[in-house]
C-alpha atoms as a PDB file:
ATOM      1  CA  MET A   1     -72.285 -51.696  10.756  1.00  0.00           C
ATOM      2  CA  THR A   2     -75.277 -49.645  10.258  1.00  0.00           C
ATOM      3  CA  MET A   3     -76.435 -48.086   7.012  1.00  0.00           C
ATOM      4  CA  ARG A   4     -78.850 -45.369   6.706  1.00  0.00           C
ATOM      5  CA  ARG A   5     -81.467 -44.689   3.975  1.00  0.00           C
ATOM      6  CA  THR A   6     -80.546 -42.146   1.633  1.00  0.00           C
ATOM      7  CA  PRO A   7     -82.448 -38.842   2.777  1.00  0.00           C
ATOM      8  CA  TRP A   8     -84.629 -37.241   0.250  1.00  0.00           C
ATOM      9  CA  TRP A   9     -82.846 -33.951   0.629  1.00  0.00           C
ATOM     10  CA  GLN A  10     -79.740 -35.445  -0.948  1.00  0.00           C
ATOM     11  CA  TYR A  11     -81.624 -36.612  -3.986  1.00  0.00           C
ATOM     12  CA  MET A  12     -82.724 -32.751  -4.173  1.00  0.00           C
ATOM     13  CA  ILE A  13     -79.332 -31.598  -3.833  1.00  0.00           C
ATOM     14  CA  ALA A  14     -78.184 -34.248  -6.537  1.00  0.00           C
ATOM     15  CA  ALA A  15     -80.892 -32.693  -8.812  1.00  0.00           C
ATOM     16  CA  LEU A  16     -80.308 -29.159  -8.164  1.00  0.00           C
ATOM     17  CA  ALA A  17     -76.521 -30.017  -8.937  1.00  0.00           C
ATOM     18  CA  GLY A  18     -77.281 -31.233 -12.139  1.00  0.00           C
ATOM     19  CA  CYS A  19     -79.459 -28.247 -12.874  1.00  0.00           C
ATOM     20  CA  LEU A  20     -76.961 -25.685 -11.899  1.00  0.00           C
ATOM     21  CA  LEU A  21     -73.875 -27.693 -14.003  1.00  0.00           C
ATOM     22  CA  GLY A  22     -76.460 -28.030 -16.819  1.00  0.00           C
ATOM     23  CA  VAL A  23     -77.297 -24.287 -17.046  1.00  0.00           C
ATOM     24  CA  GLY A  24     -73.784 -23.615 -16.657  1.00  0.00           C
ATOM     25  CA  VAL A  25     -72.777 -25.774 -19.813  1.00  0.00           C
ATOM     26  CA  ALA A  26     -75.717 -24.679 -21.653  1.00  0.00           C
ATOM     27  CA  LYS A  27     -74.597 -21.143 -21.287  1.00  0.00           C
ATOM     28  CA  LEU A  28     -70.928 -22.008 -22.066  1.00  0.00           C
ATOM     29  CA  SER A  29     -71.947 -23.805 -25.081  1.00  0.00           C
ATOM     30  CA  ASP A  30     -74.203 -21.117 -26.562  1.00  0.00           C
ATOM     31  CA  SER A  31     -71.326 -18.479 -26.091  1.00  0.00           C
ATOM     32  CA  LEU A  32     -68.642 -20.818 -27.887  1.00  0.00           C
ATOM     33  CA  GLN A  33     -70.807 -22.648 -30.533  1.00  0.00           C
ATOM     34  CA  PHE A  34     -69.910 -25.827 -28.813  1.00  0.00           C
ATOM     35  CA  ASP A  35     -72.986 -28.113 -28.630  1.00  0.00           C
ATOM     36  CA  MET A  36     -73.525 -30.401 -25.730  1.00  0.00           C
ATOM     37  CA  LEU A  37     -77.369 -30.744 -25.710  1.00  0.00           C
ATOM     38  CA  GLY A  38     -78.961 -33.892 -25.864  1.00  0.00           C
ATOM     39  CA  ALA A  39     -77.844 -37.774 -25.339  1.00  0.00           C
ATOM     40  CA  PRO A  40     -77.939 -40.674 -27.795  1.00  0.00           C
ATOM     41  CA  VAL A  41     -80.472 -42.932 -27.150  1.00  0.00           C
ATOM     42  CA  ALA A  42     -77.991 -45.613 -26.654  1.00  0.00           C
ATOM     43  CA  VAL A  43     -76.819 -43.803 -23.342  1.00  0.00           C
ATOM     44  CA  SER A  44     -80.440 -43.808 -22.240  1.00  0.00           C
ATOM     45  CA  VAL A  45     -80.653 -47.600 -23.190  1.00  0.00           C
ATOM     46  CA  VAL A  46     -77.479 -48.163 -21.283  1.00  0.00           C
ATOM     47  CA  MET A  47     -79.005 -45.918 -18.359  1.00  0.00           C
ATOM     48  CA  LEU A  48     -82.242 -48.321 -18.267  1.00  0.00           C
ATOM     49  CA  VAL A  49     -80.455 -51.818 -18.297  1.00  0.00           C
ATOM     50  CA  MET A  50     -77.893 -50.503 -15.523  1.00  0.00           C
ATOM     51  CA  GLY A  51     -81.080 -49.690 -13.416  1.00  0.00           C
ATOM     52  CA  LEU A  52     -82.971 -53.025 -14.186  1.00  0.00           C
ATOM     53  CA  VAL A  53     -79.854 -54.666 -13.207  1.00  0.00           C
ATOM     54  CA  VAL A  54     -79.839 -53.426  -9.950  1.00  0.00           C
ATOM     55  CA  LEU A  55     -83.325 -53.724  -9.643  1.00  0.00           C
ATOM     56  CA  ALA A  56     -82.778 -57.369 -10.020  1.00  0.00           C
ATOM     57  CA  LEU A  57     -79.889 -57.595  -7.746  1.00  0.00           C
ATOM     58  CA  ALA A  58     -82.043 -56.051  -5.101  1.00  0.00           C
ATOM     59  CA  ILE A  59     -84.874 -58.169  -5.426  1.00  0.00           C
ATOM     60  CA  GLN A  60     -82.661 -61.237  -5.075  1.00  0.00           C
ATOM     61  CA  VAL A  61     -81.189 -59.572  -1.586  1.00  0.00           C
ATOM     62  CA  HIS A  62     -85.038 -59.086  -0.652  1.00  0.00           C
ATOM     63  CA  THR A  63     -86.067 -62.367  -1.492  1.00  0.00           C
ATOM     64  CA  TYR A  64     -83.380 -63.522   0.700  1.00  0.00           C
ATOM     65  CA  ALA A  65     -83.731 -61.461   3.554  1.00  0.00           C
ATOM     66  CA  ARG A  66     -87.655 -62.126   4.014  1.00  0.00           C
ATOM     67  CA  THR A  67     -87.227 -65.740   3.421  1.00  0.00           C
ATOM     68  CA  ASP A  68     -87.312 -67.932   6.487  1.00  0.00           C
ATOM     69  CA  PRO A  69     -83.963 -69.001   7.571  1.00  0.00           C
ATOM     70  CA  LYS A  70     -85.002 -72.890   7.684  1.00  0.00           C
ATOM     71  CA  LYS A  71     -86.476 -72.653   4.061  1.00  0.00           C
ATOM     72  CA  ARG A  72     -83.466 -71.072   2.316  1.00  0.00           C
ATOM     73  CA  THR A  73     -81.728 -73.250  -0.177  1.00  0.00           C
ATOM     74  CA  ARG A  74     -78.658 -71.211  -0.526  1.00  0.00           C
ATOM     75  CA  ARG A  75     -76.663 -68.429   1.261  1.00  0.00           C
ATOM     76  CA  LEU A  76     -76.223 -65.163   0.025  1.00  0.00           C
ATOM     77  CA  ASP A  77     -72.814 -63.573   0.448  1.00  0.00           C
ATOM     78  CA  PRO A  78     -73.231 -60.709   2.638  1.00  0.00           C
ATOM     79  CA  GLU A  79     -70.612 -58.801   0.437  1.00  0.00           C
ATOM     80  CA  ARG A  80     -72.756 -59.027  -2.508  1.00  0.00           C
ATOM     81  CA  ALA A  81     -75.787 -57.672  -0.318  1.00  0.00           C
ATOM     82  CA  VAL A  82     -73.616 -54.595   0.570  1.00  0.00           C
ATOM     83  CA  ASN A  83     -72.509 -54.146  -2.843  1.00  0.00           C
ATOM     84  CA  THR A  84     -76.359 -54.326  -3.997  1.00  0.00           C
ATOM     85  CA  LEU A  85     -76.940 -51.394  -1.351  1.00  0.00           C
ATOM     86  CA  ILE A  86     -74.108 -49.092  -2.537  1.00  0.00           C
ATOM     87  CA  LEU A  87     -75.251 -49.532  -6.257  1.00  0.00           C
ATOM     88  CA  SER A  88     -78.611 -48.870  -5.020  1.00  0.00           C
ATOM     89  CA  LYS A  89     -77.502 -45.798  -3.359  1.00  0.00           C
ATOM     90  CA  ALA A  90     -75.316 -44.715  -6.195  1.00  0.00           C
ATOM     91  CA  LEU A  91     -77.896 -45.247  -8.944  1.00  0.00           C
ATOM     92  CA  GLY A  92     -80.516 -43.109  -7.106  1.00  0.00           C
ATOM     93  CA  LEU A  93     -78.206 -40.177  -6.641  1.00  0.00           C
ATOM     94  CA  ALA A  94     -76.563 -40.486 -10.112  1.00  0.00           C
ATOM     95  CA  ALA A  95     -80.072 -40.378 -11.412  1.00  0.00           C
ATOM     96  CA  ALA A  96     -81.063 -37.618  -9.566  1.00  0.00           C
ATOM     97  CA  PHE A  97     -78.307 -35.507 -10.941  1.00  0.00           C
ATOM     98  CA  LEU A  98     -78.767 -36.867 -14.263  1.00  0.00           C
ATOM     99  CA  LEU A  99     -82.524 -35.957 -14.168  1.00  0.00           C
ATOM    100  CA  GLY A 100     -81.437 -32.352 -13.227  1.00  0.00           C
ATOM    101  CA  TRP A 101     -78.944 -32.066 -15.952  1.00  0.00           C
ATOM    102  CA  TYR A 102     -81.269 -33.276 -18.803  1.00  0.00           C
ATOM    103  CA  GLY A 103     -84.137 -31.699 -17.467  1.00  0.00           C
ATOM    104  CA  VAL A 104     -82.418 -28.198 -17.732  1.00  0.00           C
ATOM    105  CA  GLN A 105     -81.009 -29.049 -21.338  1.00  0.00           C
ATOM    106  CA  LEU A 106     -84.800 -29.754 -22.244  1.00  0.00           C
ATOM    107  CA  VAL A 107     -85.950 -26.817 -20.910  1.00  0.00           C
ATOM    108  CA  VAL A 108     -83.128 -24.644 -22.723  1.00  0.00           C
ATOM    109  CA  ALA A 109     -83.850 -26.219 -25.970  1.00  0.00           C
ATOM    110  CA  LEU A 110     -87.641 -25.935 -25.819  1.00  0.00           C
ATOM    111  CA  PRO A 111     -87.795 -22.338 -27.410  1.00  0.00           C
ATOM    112  CA  HIS A 112     -85.555 -23.423 -30.401  1.00  0.00           C
ATOM    113  CA  GLY A 113     -87.979 -26.296 -31.026  1.00  0.00           C
ATOM    114  CA  GLU A 114     -88.650 -25.422 -34.352  1.00  0.00           C
ATOM    115  CA  ALA A 115     -84.719 -25.904 -35.491  1.00  0.00           C
ATOM    116  CA  PRO A 116     -84.283 -29.573 -36.582  1.00  0.00           C
ATOM    117  CA  TYR A 117     -81.006 -29.749 -34.227  1.00  0.00           C
ATOM    118  CA  TYR A 118     -82.926 -28.589 -31.059  1.00  0.00           C
ATOM    119  CA  ALA A 119     -85.791 -31.036 -32.073  1.00  0.00           C
ATOM    120  CA  SER A 120     -83.566 -33.871 -32.020  1.00  0.00           C
ATOM    121  CA  ALA A 121     -82.063 -32.633 -28.600  1.00  0.00           C
ATOM    122  CA  ILE A 122     -85.383 -31.894 -27.196  1.00  0.00           C
ATOM    123  CA  ARG A 123     -86.320 -35.435 -28.058  1.00  0.00           C
ATOM    124  CA  GLU A 124     -83.032 -37.023 -26.795  1.00  0.00           C
ATOM    125  CA  CYS A 125     -83.125 -34.981 -23.484  1.00  0.00           C
ATOM    126  CA  ALA A 126     -86.905 -35.937 -22.889  1.00  0.00           C
ATOM    127  CA  ILE A 127     -86.048 -39.636 -23.119  1.00  0.00           C
ATOM    128  CA  ALA A 128     -82.617 -39.467 -21.072  1.00  0.00           C
ATOM    129  CA  ALA A 129     -84.861 -37.372 -18.208  1.00  0.00           C
ATOM    130  CA  ALA A 130     -87.564 -39.825 -18.451  1.00  0.00           C
ATOM    131  CA  VAL A 131     -85.238 -42.825 -17.963  1.00  0.00           C
ATOM    132  CA  SER A 132     -83.101 -40.890 -15.358  1.00  0.00           C
ATOM    133  CA  LEU A 133     -86.342 -40.472 -13.381  1.00  0.00           C
ATOM    134  CA  ILE A 134     -87.212 -44.021 -13.597  1.00  0.00           C
ATOM    135  CA  ASP A 135     -83.658 -45.056 -12.465  1.00  0.00           C
ATOM    136  CA  MET A 136     -83.529 -42.933  -9.604  1.00  0.00           C
ATOM    137  CA  ILE A 137     -87.093 -44.628  -8.473  1.00  0.00           C
ATOM    138  CA  ILE A 138     -85.593 -47.752  -8.943  1.00  0.00           C
ATOM    139  CA  GLY A 139     -82.569 -46.607  -6.773  1.00  0.00           C
ATOM    140  CA  ILE A 140     -84.780 -45.665  -3.842  1.00  0.00           C
ATOM    141  CA  ILE A 141     -87.002 -48.837  -4.212  1.00  0.00           C
ATOM    142  CA  SER A 142     -83.639 -51.123  -4.525  1.00  0.00           C
ATOM    143  CA  GLU A 143     -82.574 -49.140  -1.626  1.00  0.00           C
ATOM    144  CA  TRP A 144     -85.713 -50.063   0.323  1.00  0.00           C
ATOM    145  CA  PHE A 145     -85.222 -53.722  -0.792  1.00  0.00           C
ATOM    146  CA  CYS A 146     -81.584 -53.991   0.502  1.00  0.00           C
ATOM    147  CA  GLN A 147     -82.882 -53.373   4.233  1.00  0.00           C
ATOM    148  CA  LEU A 148     -82.062 -56.484   6.045  1.00  0.00           C
ATOM    149  CA  PRO A 149     -84.058 -57.773   9.085  1.00  0.00           C
ATOM    150  CA  PRO A 150     -82.379 -57.204  12.356  1.00  0.00           C
ATOM    151  CA  ASP A 151     -80.600 -60.482  13.601  1.00  0.00           C
ATOM    152  CA  GLU A 152     -80.324 -61.993  16.770  1.00  0.00           C
ATOM    153  CA  GLY A 153     -78.379 -58.837  17.934  1.00  0.00           C
ATOM    154  CA  PRO A 154     -79.473 -56.369  20.316  1.00  0.00           C
ATOM    155  CA  GLU A 155     -81.726 -54.658  17.625  1.00  0.00           C
ATOM    156  CA  ASN A 156     -83.744 -57.861  17.371  1.00  0.00           C
ATOM    157  CA  PRO A 157     -87.365 -57.451  18.525  1.00  0.00           C
ATOM    158  CA  LYS A 158     -87.103 -60.898  20.138  1.00  0.00           C
ATOM    159  CA  ILE A 159     -84.008 -59.753  21.993  1.00  0.00           C
ATOM    160  CA  LYS A 160     -85.459 -56.664  23.384  1.00  0.00           C
ATOM    161  CA  GLU A 161     -88.549 -58.478  24.475  1.00  0.00           C
ATOM    162  CA  HIS A 162     -86.384 -60.888  26.589  1.00  0.00           C
ATOM    163  CA  GLN A 163     -84.130 -58.166  27.920  1.00  0.00           C
ATOM    164  CA  ARG A 164     -87.643 -56.527  29.178  1.00  0.00           C
ATOM    165  CA  GLN A 165     -89.115 -59.659  30.764  1.00  0.00           C
ATOM    166  CA  GLN A 166     -85.364 -60.274  32.414  1.00  0.00           C
ATOM    167  CA  ARG A 167     -85.812 -56.698  33.988  1.00  0.00           C
ATOM    168  CA  GLN A 168     -89.252 -57.302  35.247  1.00  0.00           C
ATOM    169  CA  LEU A 169     -88.317 -60.648  36.577  1.00  0.00           C
ATOM    170  CA  ALA A 170     -85.278 -58.769  38.173  1.00  0.00           C
ATOM    171  CA  ARG A 171     -87.850 -56.384  39.953  1.00  0.00           C
ATOM    172  CA  GLY A 172     -89.889 -59.089  40.784  1.00  0.00           C
ATOM    173  CA  GLY A 173     -92.683 -58.833  38.407  1.00  0.00           C
ATOM    174  CA  VAL A 174     -94.456 -62.023  36.594  1.00  0.00           C
ATOM    175  CA  ALA A 175     -93.205 -62.330  32.981  1.00  0.00           C
ATOM    176  CA  LYS A 176     -94.686 -64.495  30.062  1.00  0.00           C
ATOM    177  CA  ARG A 177     -93.217 -67.237  28.723  1.00  0.00           C
ATOM    178  CA  SER A 178     -92.550 -66.991  24.918  1.00  0.00           C
END
């Protein structure tokens, strides 16, 4: 199974979707006098802790993948590695969406900053947007950490070199010995 890195444009689409939904909710909340601006600081703390947990898991996968197989002291469950990759992708995309959501709320609240409610909402949205940006970066880095080197399958550079040498020998050429 081959997993591909999340392309940059998917993060942009997620952020744009968050912006569009944020604008729609902001307009709706203005017309209905129903406030949905801001996020409690506890939400930002939970988001940051979740990002750090995903980063810690990705570092474990990265350390295992980069360690020489002869020097490994324990085995990493492949399912855990795949789940860490999935968490990394989900964290990056969800954080991009939330960055758009809180960013738009911040922009909508800025003109009303002199009112105490909006001043509080601006502070909360700024914190939540910053944490969302941090989580998006953590998701992208964690996804990169979860890249595994090719095994002894057909994608391994050693196997490709061996196949090239075999073709060269079959044509009557001289191949170097490894």
